[in-house]
N, C-alpha and C. Protein backbone atom coordinates (compact mmCIF):
# COMPACT_ATOMS: atom_id res chain seq x y z
N MET A 1 0.76 -1.20 0.08
CA MET A 1 0.16 0.02 0.28
C MET A 1 0.66 1.40 -0.09
N GLN A 2 0.88 2.17 -1.05
CA GLN A 2 1.42 3.45 -0.56
C GLN A 2 0.34 4.37 0.19
N ILE A 3 1.43 4.90 1.00
CA ILE A 3 1.22 5.91 1.96
C ILE A 3 1.37 7.43 1.37
N GLU A 4 0.38 8.06 1.59
CA GLU A 4 0.22 9.61 1.34
C GLU A 4 -0.30 10.36 2.23
N ALA A 5 0.24 12.13 1.98
CA ALA A 5 0.14 12.92 2.76
C ALA A 5 -1.75 13.40 2.51
N PRO A 6 -2.00 13.56 3.95
CA PRO A 6 -3.54 14.13 3.85
C PRO A 6 -3.81 15.33 3.01
N PRO A 7 -4.43 15.75 2.35
CA PRO A 7 -4.59 17.20 2.02
C PRO A 7 -4.60 17.79 3.06
N THR A 8 -3.93 19.40 2.52
CA THR A 8 -4.06 20.40 3.27
C THR A 8 -4.91 21.40 2.59
N GLU A 9 -5.39 21.20 1.76
CA GLU A 9 -6.02 22.58 1.34
C GLU A 9 -7.19 21.54 0.11
N ARG A 10 -8.53 22.50 -0.01
CA ARG A 10 -10.01 21.84 -0.84
C ARG A 10 -9.18 21.80 -2.00
N SER A 11 -9.46 20.39 -2.75
CA SER A 11 -8.75 20.24 -4.04
C SER A 11 -9.90 20.59 -5.17
N SER A 12 -10.95 21.05 -4.64
CA SER A 12 -12.05 21.57 -5.85
C SER A 12 -12.75 22.74 -5.20
N ASP A 13 -13.10 23.34 -6.04
CA ASP A 13 -14.07 24.76 -5.95
C ASP A 13 -15.55 24.26 -5.22
N LYS A 14 -16.10 25.05 -4.19
CA LYS A 14 -17.52 24.62 -3.85
C LYS A 14 -18.39 25.20 -4.59
N PRO A 15 -19.26 24.33 -5.18
CA PRO A 15 -20.27 24.04 -6.20
C PRO A 15 -21.16 25.49 -5.39
N ASP A 16 -21.61 26.61 -6.48
CA ASP A 16 -22.54 27.64 -6.14
C ASP A 16 -23.65 27.76 -6.95
N GLY A 17 -24.14 26.52 -7.32
CA GLY A 17 -25.35 26.43 -7.97
C GLY A 17 -26.60 26.48 -7.18
N GLU A 18 -27.99 26.32 -7.47
CA GLU A 18 -28.77 26.15 -6.51
C GLU A 18 -29.23 24.54 -6.34
N ARG A 19 -29.70 24.43 -5.12
CA ARG A 19 -29.90 23.01 -4.63
C ARG A 19 -31.34 22.50 -5.36
N ARG A 20 -31.11 21.52 -5.55
CA ARG A 20 -32.51 21.40 -6.45
C ARG A 20 -32.97 19.54 -6.06
N GLY A 21 -33.75 19.23 -6.61
CA GLY A 21 -33.98 17.54 -6.56
C GLY A 21 -33.07 16.70 -7.59
N LEU A 22 -32.33 15.80 -7.38
CA LEU A 22 -31.42 15.35 -7.70
C LEU A 22 -31.95 13.75 -8.77
N VAL A 23 -31.63 13.30 -9.36
CA VAL A 23 -31.88 11.89 -10.44
C VAL A 23 -30.24 11.23 -9.76
N ILE A 24 -30.48 9.85 -9.23
CA ILE A 24 -29.55 9.68 -8.47
C ILE A 24 -29.56 8.08 -9.14
N VAL A 25 -28.61 7.18 -10.02
CA VAL A 25 -28.54 5.83 -10.55
C VAL A 25 -27.29 4.99 -10.05
N HIS A 26 -28.34 3.86 -9.29
CA HIS A 26 -27.16 2.80 -9.00
C HIS A 26 -27.04 1.85 -9.62
N THR A 27 -26.13 1.32 -10.09
CA THR A 27 -25.93 0.15 -11.38
C THR A 27 -25.02 -0.50 -11.33
N GLY A 28 -24.77 -1.51 -12.14
CA GLY A 28 -23.49 -2.35 -11.89
C GLY A 28 -23.72 -3.88 -11.88
N ASN A 29 -22.82 -4.69 -11.50
CA ASN A 29 -22.96 -5.90 -11.52
C ASN A 29 -22.02 -6.07 -9.98
N GLY A 30 -21.95 -5.13 -9.37
CA GLY A 30 -21.42 -5.57 -8.29
C GLY A 30 -22.18 -5.02 -6.79
N LYS A 31 -21.96 -5.81 -5.93
CA LYS A 31 -23.10 -5.83 -4.62
C LYS A 31 -23.18 -3.99 -4.15
N GLY A 32 -24.39 -3.62 -3.93
CA GLY A 32 -24.48 -2.78 -2.94
C GLY A 32 -25.42 -1.68 -3.67
N LYS A 33 -26.12 -1.79 -4.36
CA LYS A 33 -26.95 -0.77 -5.24
C LYS A 33 -27.89 -0.59 -4.47
N SER A 34 -28.99 -1.43 -3.57
CA SER A 34 -29.86 -1.54 -2.88
C SER A 34 -29.45 -0.65 -1.60
N THR A 35 -28.38 -1.35 -1.12
CA THR A 35 -27.54 -0.95 0.27
C THR A 35 -27.28 0.59 0.17
N ALA A 36 -26.45 1.24 -0.87
CA ALA A 36 -26.68 2.48 -1.07
C ALA A 36 -27.75 3.52 -1.32
N ALA A 37 -28.84 2.91 -2.00
CA ALA A 37 -29.97 3.57 -1.82
C ALA A 37 -30.79 3.71 -0.28
N PHE A 38 -30.70 3.04 0.23
CA PHE A 38 -31.23 2.78 1.49
C PHE A 38 -30.18 3.24 2.43
N GLY A 39 -29.07 3.38 2.21
CA GLY A 39 -28.28 4.79 3.34
C GLY A 39 -28.94 6.28 3.01
N LEU A 40 -29.14 6.17 1.80
CA LEU A 40 -29.54 7.55 1.11
C LEU A 40 -30.79 7.92 2.01
N ALA A 41 -31.89 6.90 2.20
CA ALA A 41 -33.28 6.81 2.82
C ALA A 41 -32.98 7.38 4.07
N LEU A 42 -32.05 6.41 4.77
CA LEU A 42 -31.55 6.63 6.61
C LEU A 42 -31.54 7.95 6.83
N ARG A 43 -30.41 8.52 5.85
CA ARG A 43 -29.35 9.94 5.74
C ARG A 43 -30.63 10.76 5.61
N ALA A 44 -31.93 10.87 4.56
CA ALA A 44 -32.83 11.48 4.33
C ALA A 44 -33.81 11.60 5.71
N HIS A 45 -34.14 10.15 6.13
CA HIS A 45 -35.30 10.40 7.54
C HIS A 45 -34.16 11.00 8.61
N GLY A 46 -33.59 10.89 8.93
CA GLY A 46 -32.76 10.90 9.86
C GLY A 46 -32.61 12.87 9.85
N ARG A 47 -32.55 13.39 8.79
CA ARG A 47 -32.79 14.72 8.78
C ARG A 47 -34.08 15.34 8.82
N GLY A 48 -35.38 14.24 8.73
CA GLY A 48 -36.49 14.74 9.44
C GLY A 48 -37.47 15.00 8.07
N LYS A 49 -37.09 14.23 6.91
CA LYS A 49 -37.46 14.41 5.51
C LYS A 49 -38.18 13.48 5.02
N PRO A 50 -39.05 13.44 4.75
CA PRO A 50 -40.16 12.32 4.15
C PRO A 50 -39.63 11.72 2.91
N VAL A 51 -39.59 10.30 3.47
CA VAL A 51 -39.09 8.94 2.50
C VAL A 51 -40.26 8.07 1.99
N LYS A 52 -39.81 7.43 0.72
CA LYS A 52 -40.97 6.47 0.42
C LYS A 52 -40.07 5.70 -0.45
N ILE A 53 -40.18 4.26 -0.21
CA ILE A 53 -39.28 3.32 -0.79
C ILE A 53 -40.27 2.36 -1.46
N TYR A 54 -40.04 1.90 -3.08
CA TYR A 54 -40.57 0.91 -3.73
C TYR A 54 -39.95 0.39 -3.87
N GLN A 55 -40.28 -1.22 -3.89
CA GLN A 55 -38.92 -2.23 -4.32
C GLN A 55 -39.77 -3.42 -5.56
N PHE A 56 -39.52 -3.08 -6.54
CA PHE A 56 -40.31 -3.44 -7.48
C PHE A 56 -40.08 -5.23 -7.93
N MET A 57 -39.44 -5.85 -7.10
CA MET A 57 -39.27 -7.27 -7.21
C MET A 57 -39.68 -7.82 -6.02
N LYS A 58 -39.54 -7.24 -4.79
CA LYS A 58 -39.83 -7.84 -3.83
C LYS A 58 -41.44 -8.25 -3.54
N VAL A 59 -41.80 -8.66 -2.61
CA VAL A 59 -43.20 -9.09 -2.71
C VAL A 59 -43.87 -8.29 -1.31
N PRO A 60 -45.15 -7.66 -1.60
CA PRO A 60 -45.26 -6.83 -0.71
C PRO A 60 -45.40 -7.36 0.72
N SER A 61 -45.26 -8.72 1.39
CA SER A 61 -45.52 -9.23 2.59
C SER A 61 -43.70 -9.68 2.99
N ALA A 62 -42.83 -9.17 2.18
CA ALA A 62 -41.61 -9.38 2.41
C ALA A 62 -40.85 -8.75 3.79
N ARG A 63 -40.24 -9.70 4.17
CA ARG A 63 -39.77 -9.08 5.89
C ARG A 63 -38.32 -9.01 5.80
N PHE A 64 -37.56 -8.64 4.82
CA PHE A 64 -36.32 -8.70 4.75
C PHE A 64 -35.70 -7.71 6.11
N GLY A 65 -34.36 -7.91 6.25
CA GLY A 65 -33.72 -6.93 7.02
C GLY A 65 -34.06 -5.34 6.84
N GLU A 66 -34.12 -4.88 5.71
CA GLU A 66 -34.33 -3.56 5.45
C GLU A 66 -35.82 -3.38 5.82
N HIS A 67 -36.76 -4.09 5.55
CA HIS A 67 -38.50 -3.92 5.88
C HIS A 67 -38.42 -4.01 7.41
N ARG A 68 -37.85 -4.20 8.10
CA ARG A 68 -37.93 -4.52 9.86
C ARG A 68 -37.21 -3.45 10.22
N LEU A 69 -36.03 -2.79 9.74
CA LEU A 69 -35.80 -1.93 10.15
C LEU A 69 -36.82 -0.70 9.85
N PHE A 70 -37.07 -0.32 8.56
CA PHE A 70 -37.79 0.68 8.10
C PHE A 70 -39.23 0.98 8.81
N ASP A 71 -39.89 -0.22 9.15
CA ASP A 71 -40.85 0.01 9.73
C ASP A 71 -40.70 0.15 10.99
N GLN A 72 -39.61 0.03 11.77
CA GLN A 72 -39.22 0.38 13.11
C GLN A 72 -39.11 1.66 13.06
N LEU A 73 -38.57 2.52 12.04
CA LEU A 73 -38.42 4.05 11.87
C LEU A 73 -39.30 4.93 11.32
N GLY A 74 -40.41 3.95 10.82
CA GLY A 74 -41.74 4.67 10.37
C GLY A 74 -41.54 4.82 8.87
N VAL A 75 -40.87 4.30 8.28
CA VAL A 75 -40.37 4.79 6.79
C VAL A 75 -41.06 4.14 6.14
N PRO A 76 -41.66 4.23 5.09
CA PRO A 76 -42.45 3.45 4.26
C PRO A 76 -41.62 2.79 3.07
N ILE A 77 -41.82 1.41 3.09
CA ILE A 77 -41.33 0.84 2.10
C ILE A 77 -42.39 -0.41 1.50
N GLU A 78 -42.42 -0.12 0.19
CA GLU A 78 -43.50 -1.12 -0.17
C GLU A 78 -42.81 -1.88 -1.26
N GLY A 79 -43.33 -3.64 -1.12
CA GLY A 79 -43.06 -4.43 -2.50
C GLY A 79 -43.79 -4.43 -3.11
N LEU A 80 -43.66 -4.14 -4.30
CA LEU A 80 -44.47 -3.94 -5.41
C LEU A 80 -44.73 -5.17 -6.70
N GLY A 81 -43.88 -6.35 -6.35
CA GLY A 81 -43.76 -7.65 -7.24
C GLY A 81 -43.98 -8.81 -6.60
N ASP A 82 -43.92 -9.95 -7.38
CA ASP A 82 -44.19 -10.82 -6.72
C ASP A 82 -42.86 -12.20 -6.49
N GLY A 83 -41.62 -11.66 -6.71
CA GLY A 83 -40.29 -11.88 -6.54
C GLY A 83 -39.67 -11.80 -8.00
N PHE A 84 -37.94 -12.27 -7.90
CA PHE A 84 -37.55 -12.31 -8.93
C PHE A 84 -37.95 -13.30 -10.10
N SER A 85 -37.70 -13.07 -11.34
CA SER A 85 -38.64 -13.52 -12.43
C SER A 85 -38.57 -15.12 -12.64
N TRP A 86 -37.24 -15.98 -12.10
CA TRP A 86 -37.28 -17.36 -12.05
C TRP A 86 -38.18 -17.64 -10.65
N LYS A 87 -38.70 -17.01 -9.91
CA LYS A 87 -39.34 -17.52 -8.97
C LYS A 87 -41.21 -17.52 -9.51
N SER A 88 -41.37 -16.50 -10.58
CA SER A 88 -42.42 -16.21 -11.12
C SER A 88 -43.32 -17.57 -11.51
N LYS A 89 -44.29 -17.39 -10.97
CA LYS A 89 -45.41 -18.69 -11.86
C LYS A 89 -46.36 -18.25 -13.11
N ASP A 90 -46.06 -16.78 -13.26
CA ASP A 90 -46.67 -16.00 -14.09
C ASP A 90 -46.46 -14.76 -14.67
N LEU A 91 -45.43 -14.64 -15.58
CA LEU A 91 -44.80 -13.67 -16.13
C LEU A 91 -45.79 -12.44 -16.21
N ASP A 92 -46.59 -12.87 -16.89
CA ASP A 92 -47.62 -11.78 -17.54
C ASP A 92 -48.10 -11.14 -16.40
N HIS A 93 -48.34 -11.92 -15.54
CA HIS A 93 -48.92 -11.55 -13.96
C HIS A 93 -47.95 -10.35 -13.21
N SER A 94 -46.36 -10.77 -13.33
CA SER A 94 -45.44 -9.79 -12.91
C SER A 94 -45.04 -8.72 -13.67
N ALA A 95 -45.45 -8.85 -15.01
CA ALA A 95 -45.51 -7.43 -15.80
C ALA A 95 -46.31 -6.74 -15.12
N GLN A 96 -47.75 -7.21 -15.16
CA GLN A 96 -48.82 -6.10 -14.67
C GLN A 96 -48.46 -5.80 -12.97
N LEU A 97 -48.09 -6.39 -12.51
CA LEU A 97 -47.75 -6.10 -10.53
C LEU A 97 -46.59 -4.91 -11.19
N ALA A 98 -46.09 -4.96 -11.89
CA ALA A 98 -44.82 -3.68 -12.39
C ALA A 98 -45.44 -2.56 -12.84
N ARG A 99 -46.48 -2.60 -13.91
CA ARG A 99 -46.80 -1.97 -14.10
C ARG A 99 -48.05 -0.98 -13.07
N ASP A 100 -48.57 -1.71 -12.28
CA ASP A 100 -49.39 -0.99 -11.28
C ASP A 100 -48.55 -0.26 -10.08
N GLY A 101 -47.40 -1.24 -9.88
CA GLY A 101 -46.38 -0.61 -8.91
C GLY A 101 -45.75 0.65 -9.84
N TRP A 102 -45.42 0.57 -10.95
CA TRP A 102 -45.04 2.13 -11.23
C TRP A 102 -46.04 3.43 -11.30
N ALA A 103 -47.30 2.82 -11.70
CA ALA A 103 -48.48 3.91 -11.05
C ALA A 103 -48.33 4.59 -9.88
N ARG A 104 -48.51 3.58 -8.77
CA ARG A 104 -48.20 4.12 -7.45
C ARG A 104 -46.94 5.10 -8.04
N ALA A 105 -45.87 4.46 -7.60
CA ALA A 105 -44.54 5.18 -7.65
C ALA A 105 -44.30 6.63 -8.36
N GLU A 106 -45.26 6.49 -9.56
CA GLU A 106 -45.08 7.84 -10.46
C GLU A 106 -45.62 8.91 -9.68
N ALA A 107 -47.23 8.24 -8.93
CA ALA A 107 -48.12 9.33 -8.60
C ALA A 107 -47.38 10.14 -7.34
N THR A 108 -46.86 8.97 -6.63
CA THR A 108 -45.76 9.91 -5.11
C THR A 108 -44.79 11.12 -5.96
N ILE A 109 -44.12 10.39 -6.58
CA ILE A 109 -42.93 11.21 -7.36
C ILE A 109 -43.70 12.39 -8.10
N ARG A 110 -44.76 12.86 -8.44
CA ARG A 110 -45.27 13.87 -9.07
C ARG A 110 -45.96 14.47 -8.10
N ALA A 111 -46.34 14.00 -6.72
CA ALA A 111 -47.41 14.57 -6.02
C ALA A 111 -46.06 15.35 -5.31
N GLY A 112 -44.56 15.50 -5.17
CA GLY A 112 -43.94 16.28 -4.59
C GLY A 112 -43.89 16.14 -2.62
N ASP A 113 -44.75 15.13 -2.24
CA ASP A 113 -44.75 15.49 -0.90
C ASP A 113 -43.39 14.72 0.12
N HIS A 114 -42.78 13.66 -1.12
CA HIS A 114 -41.80 13.26 -0.43
C HIS A 114 -40.56 13.99 -0.77
N PHE A 115 -39.43 13.99 -0.12
CA PHE A 115 -38.27 14.60 -0.01
C PHE A 115 -37.28 13.87 -0.91
N LEU A 116 -37.39 12.67 -1.00
CA LEU A 116 -36.70 11.02 -1.71
C LEU A 116 -37.64 10.02 -1.78
N VAL A 117 -37.77 9.42 -3.11
CA VAL A 117 -38.28 8.48 -3.54
C VAL A 117 -37.67 7.06 -4.14
N VAL A 118 -37.16 5.88 -3.51
CA VAL A 118 -36.42 5.41 -3.73
C VAL A 118 -37.26 4.21 -4.71
N LEU A 119 -36.79 3.91 -6.14
CA LEU A 119 -37.15 2.95 -7.05
C LEU A 119 -36.42 1.90 -6.87
N ASP A 120 -36.11 1.03 -6.26
CA ASP A 120 -35.56 0.05 -5.87
C ASP A 120 -35.62 -1.07 -6.79
N GLU A 121 -34.58 -1.41 -7.66
CA GLU A 121 -34.60 -2.95 -8.43
C GLU A 121 -35.72 -2.41 -9.85
N ILE A 122 -35.70 -0.99 -9.93
CA ILE A 122 -37.09 -1.08 -11.01
C ILE A 122 -35.73 -1.04 -12.69
N MET A 123 -34.70 -1.34 -12.46
CA MET A 123 -34.25 -1.71 -14.01
C MET A 123 -34.36 -3.21 -14.46
N TYR A 124 -35.03 -4.12 -13.26
CA TYR A 124 -35.45 -5.21 -13.77
C TYR A 124 -36.54 -5.51 -14.79
N PRO A 125 -37.83 -4.63 -14.16
CA PRO A 125 -39.32 -4.60 -14.96
C PRO A 125 -38.72 -3.39 -16.05
N LEU A 126 -37.84 -2.76 -16.14
CA LEU A 126 -37.52 -1.98 -17.72
C LEU A 126 -36.60 -2.78 -18.46
N ARG A 127 -36.05 -3.78 -18.23
CA ARG A 127 -35.04 -4.65 -19.10
C ARG A 127 -35.83 -5.44 -19.85
N TYR A 128 -36.79 -6.20 -18.71
CA TYR A 128 -37.63 -7.49 -19.25
C TYR A 128 -38.97 -6.94 -20.32
N GLY A 129 -39.22 -5.41 -20.72
CA GLY A 129 -40.42 -4.77 -21.08
C GLY A 129 -41.53 -4.86 -20.16
N TRP A 130 -41.68 -4.87 -19.18
CA TRP A 130 -42.89 -4.87 -18.47
C TRP A 130 -43.04 -3.58 -18.70
N LEU A 131 -41.97 -2.59 -17.96
CA LEU A 131 -42.50 -1.02 -17.80
C LEU A 131 -42.03 -0.48 -19.07
N PRO A 132 -42.52 0.47 -20.03
CA PRO A 132 -41.83 1.28 -21.15
C PRO A 132 -40.78 2.22 -20.28
N LEU A 133 -39.53 2.58 -21.16
CA LEU A 133 -38.53 3.69 -20.47
C LEU A 133 -39.06 5.18 -20.38
N GLU A 134 -40.02 5.17 -21.48
CA GLU A 134 -40.24 6.71 -21.80
C GLU A 134 -41.30 7.53 -20.39
N PRO A 135 -42.03 6.81 -19.78
CA PRO A 135 -43.10 7.42 -18.85
C PRO A 135 -42.15 7.41 -17.57
N VAL A 136 -41.23 6.81 -17.55
CA VAL A 136 -40.35 6.85 -16.22
C VAL A 136 -39.20 8.49 -16.42
N LEU A 137 -38.72 8.25 -17.69
CA LEU A 137 -38.17 9.62 -18.03
C LEU A 137 -38.63 10.92 -18.10
N ALA A 138 -40.26 10.65 -18.32
CA ALA A 138 -41.21 11.80 -18.18
C ALA A 138 -41.29 12.26 -16.73
N ALA A 139 -41.63 11.01 -16.15
CA ALA A 139 -41.92 11.58 -14.34
C ALA A 139 -40.60 12.20 -13.96
N LEU A 140 -39.24 11.61 -14.19
CA LEU A 140 -38.22 12.30 -13.79
C LEU A 140 -37.70 13.78 -13.92
N ARG A 141 -38.19 14.18 -15.33
CA ARG A 141 -38.07 15.38 -15.88
C ARG A 141 -39.13 16.53 -15.10
N GLU A 142 -40.02 15.64 -15.51
CA GLU A 142 -41.68 16.41 -14.74
C GLU A 142 -41.88 16.37 -13.34
N ARG A 143 -40.99 15.95 -12.71
CA ARG A 143 -40.96 15.94 -10.71
C ARG A 143 -40.80 17.18 -10.10
N PRO A 144 -41.58 17.49 -9.05
CA PRO A 144 -41.26 18.70 -8.47
C PRO A 144 -40.05 18.85 -8.35
N ALA A 145 -39.18 20.25 -8.41
CA ALA A 145 -38.29 20.50 -8.21
C ALA A 145 -37.47 20.07 -6.93
N ASN A 146 -38.29 19.82 -5.54
CA ASN A 146 -37.54 19.09 -4.58
C ASN A 146 -37.66 17.98 -4.39
N VAL A 147 -38.03 17.01 -5.18
CA VAL A 147 -37.70 15.58 -5.45
C VAL A 147 -36.91 15.32 -5.50
N HIS A 148 -36.20 14.64 -4.85
CA HIS A 148 -34.80 13.44 -5.29
C HIS A 148 -35.41 12.04 -5.75
N VAL A 149 -34.61 11.63 -6.73
CA VAL A 149 -35.15 10.03 -6.78
C VAL A 149 -33.95 9.14 -7.04
N VAL A 150 -33.85 8.15 -6.65
CA VAL A 150 -32.98 6.99 -6.49
C VAL A 150 -33.46 5.66 -7.33
N LEU A 151 -32.76 5.11 -8.31
CA LEU A 151 -32.96 4.11 -9.01
C LEU A 151 -31.90 3.10 -9.23
N THR A 152 -32.23 1.83 -8.68
CA THR A 152 -31.18 0.71 -8.61
C THR A 152 -31.51 -0.46 -9.32
N GLY A 153 -30.32 -0.85 -9.76
CA GLY A 153 -30.72 -1.88 -10.64
C GLY A 153 -29.29 -2.43 -11.62
N ARG A 154 -29.26 -3.34 -12.35
CA ARG A 154 -27.91 -3.81 -12.63
C ARG A 154 -28.55 -3.09 -14.28
N ASN A 155 -27.51 -2.89 -15.06
CA ASN A 155 -27.72 -2.26 -16.57
C ASN A 155 -28.60 -1.37 -16.93
N ALA A 156 -28.66 -0.60 -16.11
CA ALA A 156 -29.39 0.88 -16.35
C ALA A 156 -29.48 1.28 -17.83
N PRO A 157 -30.06 1.52 -18.70
CA PRO A 157 -30.54 1.92 -19.96
C PRO A 157 -29.54 3.11 -20.11
N GLN A 158 -29.03 3.32 -21.02
CA GLN A 158 -28.44 4.69 -21.27
C GLN A 158 -28.96 5.88 -21.13
N GLU A 159 -30.50 5.77 -21.77
CA GLU A 159 -31.25 7.23 -21.68
C GLU A 159 -31.50 7.63 -20.32
N LEU A 160 -31.62 6.33 -19.09
CA LEU A 160 -31.84 6.62 -17.76
C LEU A 160 -30.03 7.44 -17.17
N VAL A 161 -28.90 6.70 -17.21
CA VAL A 161 -27.84 7.56 -17.30
C VAL A 161 -27.61 8.81 -17.63
N ASP A 162 -28.36 9.01 -18.95
CA ASP A 162 -28.15 10.41 -19.31
C ASP A 162 -29.03 11.35 -19.02
N ALA A 163 -29.80 11.02 -18.17
CA ALA A 163 -31.20 12.23 -17.84
C ALA A 163 -30.35 12.15 -15.97
N ALA A 164 -29.75 11.42 -15.78
CA ALA A 164 -29.53 11.30 -14.17
C ALA A 164 -28.40 12.53 -13.67
N ASP A 165 -28.58 12.95 -12.50
CA ASP A 165 -27.49 13.95 -12.24
C ASP A 165 -26.40 13.15 -11.53
N THR A 166 -26.72 12.01 -10.96
CA THR A 166 -25.21 11.20 -10.46
C THR A 166 -25.27 9.88 -10.92
N VAL A 167 -24.25 8.95 -11.34
CA VAL A 167 -24.65 7.67 -11.30
C VAL A 167 -23.60 7.17 -11.19
N THR A 168 -23.81 6.17 -10.25
CA THR A 168 -22.52 5.28 -9.86
C THR A 168 -22.76 3.91 -9.98
N GLU A 169 -21.71 2.96 -10.57
CA GLU A 169 -21.54 1.93 -10.90
C GLU A 169 -20.68 1.21 -10.02
N MET A 170 -21.68 0.06 -9.98
CA MET A 170 -21.25 -0.80 -8.64
C MET A 170 -20.04 -1.80 -9.43
N ALA A 171 -18.93 -1.80 -9.36
CA ALA A 171 -18.05 -3.20 -10.14
C ALA A 171 -17.97 -4.29 -8.99
N LEU A 172 -18.10 -5.29 -9.59
CA LEU A 172 -17.75 -6.85 -9.14
C LEU A 172 -16.16 -6.71 -9.08
N VAL A 173 -15.49 -6.90 -7.71
CA VAL A 173 -14.05 -7.21 -8.02
C VAL A 173 -14.04 -8.66 -7.65
N LYS A 174 -14.97 -9.18 -6.49
CA LYS A 174 -14.29 -10.62 -5.84
C LYS A 174 -16.20 -10.63 -5.40
N HIS A 175 -16.69 -11.55 -5.05
CA HIS A 175 -17.72 -12.47 -4.47
C HIS A 175 -17.39 -13.14 -3.91
N HIS A 176 -18.44 -13.74 -2.53
CA HIS A 176 -18.17 -14.72 -1.91
C HIS A 176 -18.87 -16.28 -2.43
N PHE A 177 -20.03 -15.91 -3.06
CA PHE A 177 -20.38 -16.73 -3.91
C PHE A 177 -19.11 -17.65 -4.99
N ALA A 178 -18.71 -17.03 -5.30
CA ALA A 178 -17.66 -17.52 -6.21
C ALA A 178 -17.14 -18.85 -5.48
N ALA A 179 -16.76 -18.56 -3.98
CA ALA A 179 -16.14 -19.50 -3.15
C ALA A 179 -16.91 -20.05 -3.04
N GLY A 180 -18.15 -20.32 -2.90
CA GLY A 180 -18.99 -21.51 -2.34
C GLY A 180 -19.85 -20.73 -1.38
N VAL A 181 -19.67 -19.56 -0.50
CA VAL A 181 -20.18 -18.90 0.56
C VAL A 181 -21.69 -18.29 0.51
N PRO A 182 -22.66 -19.30 0.51
CA PRO A 182 -24.19 -18.80 0.21
C PRO A 182 -24.22 -17.47 0.88
N ALA A 183 -25.52 -16.99 0.50
CA ALA A 183 -26.04 -15.52 1.03
C ALA A 183 -26.25 -15.37 2.54
N GLN A 184 -26.44 -14.50 3.28
CA GLN A 184 -26.30 -14.82 4.66
C GLN A 184 -27.50 -13.84 5.29
N ARG A 185 -28.22 -14.38 5.80
CA ARG A 185 -28.94 -13.03 6.21
C ARG A 185 -28.41 -12.20 7.21
N GLY A 186 -28.65 -10.75 6.89
CA GLY A 186 -28.37 -9.61 7.67
C GLY A 186 -27.31 -8.80 6.67
N ILE A 187 -26.49 -9.37 5.78
CA ILE A 187 -25.94 -9.09 4.86
C ILE A 187 -26.40 -9.22 3.20
N GLU A 188 -27.22 -10.00 2.76
CA GLU A 188 -27.69 -10.04 1.38
C GLU A 188 -29.32 -9.85 1.40
N ASP A 189 -29.81 -10.02 2.69
CA ASP A 189 -31.33 -9.84 2.76
C ASP A 189 -31.41 -8.00 3.77
């Protein structure tokens, strides 16, 4: 490891633009996309800001670790789907759930009552063709100026990347699955 001296001066100018709602995309094949979005939700909630989380692939009755914590904190989190596609017994039904869920999420974004709206795992229904991309882009363009939106999932469409203010691509460097270590509650849930 290379040791370096800590900076003694600011390395960049402080932005002087107007504060406004941001579109933030967490994508890529590495872990941490949803976790990063949930961290932003916790940060906003900690500042007393209203937050709403929609999970496009989780079932409404899901009780993963994040659901339990957000319930305790009073942060609304809503599963909109019926699980990942390989678990679905009816993909047409899965697609309809995604469309119905998007209608709820879009209404929340457009209403402007929430400081932060998280659209967790939305890239999957977009990629599967269950949701058309243009209405999502339109809602992001037309949202109230105070609303921040975070979208997560692998393989974000280029149009969404272009529309976003901040895009982070999580890169897979190493994953414990490759060593045969299974998912663990509290880490992957």
